[in-house]
Amino acid sequence: MRAKLEVSDILAVIGLGILSYGAWLVYQPAAFILAGALIIMAAIGMARR
C-alpha cells in the first residue's frame, strides 16, 4: 500500500522544520526537544487513524 502525499502534509513538514529552526535560534537543545515531541505527537496521531 502506498502512502498518499498531499500538499497539506508537505506544508506541515515545512512548518515543523521552520518551528524547530526557530527554537534552535533561541536555544539549541530546545530544537531537539521540540522536534522529538512533534514526532511523538505525529506517531500517536497516525496510530489513531
N, C-alpha and C. Protein backbone atom coordinates (compact mmCIF):
# COMPACT_ATOMS: atom_id res chain seq x y z
N MET A 1 0.84 -1.17 0.00
CA MET A 1 0.00 0.00 0.00
C MET A 1 0.89 1.25 0.00
N ARG A 2 0.64 2.15 -0.89
CA ARG A 2 1.43 3.39 -1.00
C ARG A 2 0.81 4.49 -0.19
N ALA A 3 1.66 5.26 0.45
CA ALA A 3 1.19 6.43 1.20
C ALA A 3 0.87 7.55 0.22
N LYS A 4 -0.24 8.21 0.43
CA LYS A 4 -0.63 9.32 -0.43
C LYS A 4 -0.08 10.61 0.14
N LEU A 5 0.73 11.27 -0.62
CA LEU A 5 1.36 12.51 -0.18
C LEU A 5 0.53 13.69 -0.68
N GLU A 6 0.04 14.47 0.25
CA GLU A 6 -0.80 15.61 -0.11
C GLU A 6 -0.06 16.91 0.18
N VAL A 7 -0.57 17.99 -0.38
CA VAL A 7 0.04 19.30 -0.19
C VAL A 7 0.02 19.69 1.28
N SER A 8 -1.05 19.37 1.98
CA SER A 8 -1.14 19.72 3.40
C SER A 8 -0.06 19.00 4.22
N ASP A 9 0.27 17.76 3.83
CA ASP A 9 1.34 17.04 4.53
C ASP A 9 2.70 17.71 4.30
N ILE A 10 2.94 18.13 3.08
CA ILE A 10 4.20 18.80 2.75
C ILE A 10 4.30 20.12 3.51
N LEU A 11 3.21 20.87 3.55
CA LEU A 11 3.22 22.14 4.27
C LEU A 11 3.41 21.92 5.77
N ALA A 12 2.85 20.86 6.30
CA ALA A 12 3.02 20.55 7.72
C ALA A 12 4.48 20.25 8.04
N VAL A 13 5.14 19.49 7.19
CA VAL A 13 6.55 19.17 7.41
C VAL A 13 7.41 20.42 7.32
N ILE A 14 7.13 21.27 6.35
CA ILE A 14 7.88 22.53 6.21
C ILE A 14 7.66 23.41 7.44
N GLY A 15 6.42 23.49 7.90
CA GLY A 15 6.11 24.29 9.10
C GLY A 15 6.82 23.76 10.33
N LEU A 16 6.86 22.45 10.48
CA LEU A 16 7.56 21.87 11.63
C LEU A 16 9.06 22.14 11.56
N GLY A 17 9.60 22.11 10.35
CA GLY A 17 11.02 22.42 10.18
C GLY A 17 11.33 23.86 10.55
N ILE A 18 10.47 24.77 10.13
CA ILE A 18 10.67 26.19 10.46
C ILE A 18 10.53 26.42 11.96
N LEU A 19 9.55 25.74 12.57
CA LEU A 19 9.35 25.86 14.01
C LEU A 19 10.57 25.34 14.78
N SER A 20 11.11 24.22 14.36
CA SER A 20 12.30 23.67 15.01
C SER A 20 13.51 24.58 14.82
N TYR A 21 13.63 25.15 13.62
CA TYR A 21 14.75 26.06 13.37
C TYR A 21 14.64 27.31 14.24
N GLY A 22 13.43 27.81 14.41
CA GLY A 22 13.22 28.97 15.29
C GLY A 22 13.59 28.65 16.72
N ALA A 23 13.25 27.46 17.17
CA ALA A 23 13.64 27.05 18.53
C ALA A 23 15.16 26.93 18.63
N TRP A 24 15.79 26.47 17.55
CA TRP A 24 17.25 26.34 17.52
C TRP A 24 17.92 27.71 17.68
N LEU A 25 17.33 28.73 17.06
CA LEU A 25 17.90 30.07 17.15
C LEU A 25 17.80 30.64 18.57
N VAL A 26 16.75 30.24 19.29
CA VAL A 26 16.59 30.73 20.66
C VAL A 26 17.49 29.96 21.61
N TYR A 27 17.41 28.62 21.56
CA TYR A 27 18.17 27.77 22.47
C TYR A 27 18.36 26.44 21.77
N GLN A 28 19.60 26.09 21.43
CA GLN A 28 19.86 24.95 20.55
C GLN A 28 19.27 23.63 21.03
N PRO A 29 19.40 23.22 22.29
CA PRO A 29 18.80 21.94 22.71
C PRO A 29 17.27 21.93 22.61
N ALA A 30 16.65 23.10 22.66
CA ALA A 30 15.19 23.17 22.56
C ALA A 30 14.70 22.65 21.22
N ALA A 31 15.48 22.82 20.18
CA ALA A 31 15.08 22.35 18.85
C ALA A 31 14.95 20.83 18.83
N PHE A 32 15.87 20.13 19.47
CA PHE A 32 15.79 18.67 19.51
C PHE A 32 14.62 18.20 20.36
N ILE A 33 14.38 18.88 21.46
CA ILE A 33 13.25 18.53 22.32
C ILE A 33 11.94 18.77 21.57
N LEU A 34 11.81 19.90 20.92
CA LEU A 34 10.61 20.23 20.17
C LEU A 34 10.40 19.26 19.02
N ALA A 35 11.43 18.98 18.26
CA ALA A 35 11.30 18.06 17.13
C ALA A 35 10.90 16.66 17.60
N GLY A 36 11.50 16.20 18.68
CA GLY A 36 11.14 14.88 19.22
C GLY A 36 9.70 14.83 19.70
N ALA A 37 9.26 15.88 20.38
CA ALA A 37 7.87 15.93 20.85
C ALA A 37 6.89 15.95 19.68
N LEU A 38 7.22 16.69 18.63
CA LEU A 38 6.34 16.74 17.46
C LEU A 38 6.28 15.40 16.74
N ILE A 39 7.39 14.69 16.67
CA ILE A 39 7.41 13.37 16.04
C ILE A 39 6.57 12.39 16.84
N ILE A 40 6.67 12.45 18.16
CA ILE A 40 5.86 11.57 19.01
C ILE A 40 4.38 11.87 18.82
N MET A 41 4.02 13.16 18.79
CA MET A 41 2.62 13.53 18.59
C MET A 41 2.11 13.06 17.22
N ALA A 42 2.94 13.16 16.19
CA ALA A 42 2.55 12.69 14.87
C ALA A 42 2.37 11.17 14.85
N ALA A 43 3.23 10.45 15.54
CA ALA A 43 3.11 8.99 15.60
C ALA A 43 1.83 8.58 16.31
N ILE A 44 1.49 9.27 17.38
CA ILE A 44 0.25 8.97 18.10
C ILE A 44 -0.96 9.29 17.23
N GLY A 45 -0.91 10.41 16.52
CA GLY A 45 -2.00 10.77 15.63
C GLY A 45 -2.19 9.77 14.50
N MET A 46 -1.09 9.28 13.95
CA MET A 46 -1.18 8.29 12.88
C MET A 46 -1.67 6.94 13.40
N ALA A 47 -1.33 6.61 14.63
CA ALA A 47 -1.77 5.34 15.21
C ALA A 47 -3.27 5.35 15.46
N ARG A 48 -3.85 6.52 15.70
CA ARG A 48 -5.29 6.62 15.95
C ARG A 48 -6.12 6.52 14.68
N ARG A 49 -5.51 6.66 13.53
CA ARG A 49 -6.25 6.58 12.26
C ARG A 49 -6.78 5.22 12.01
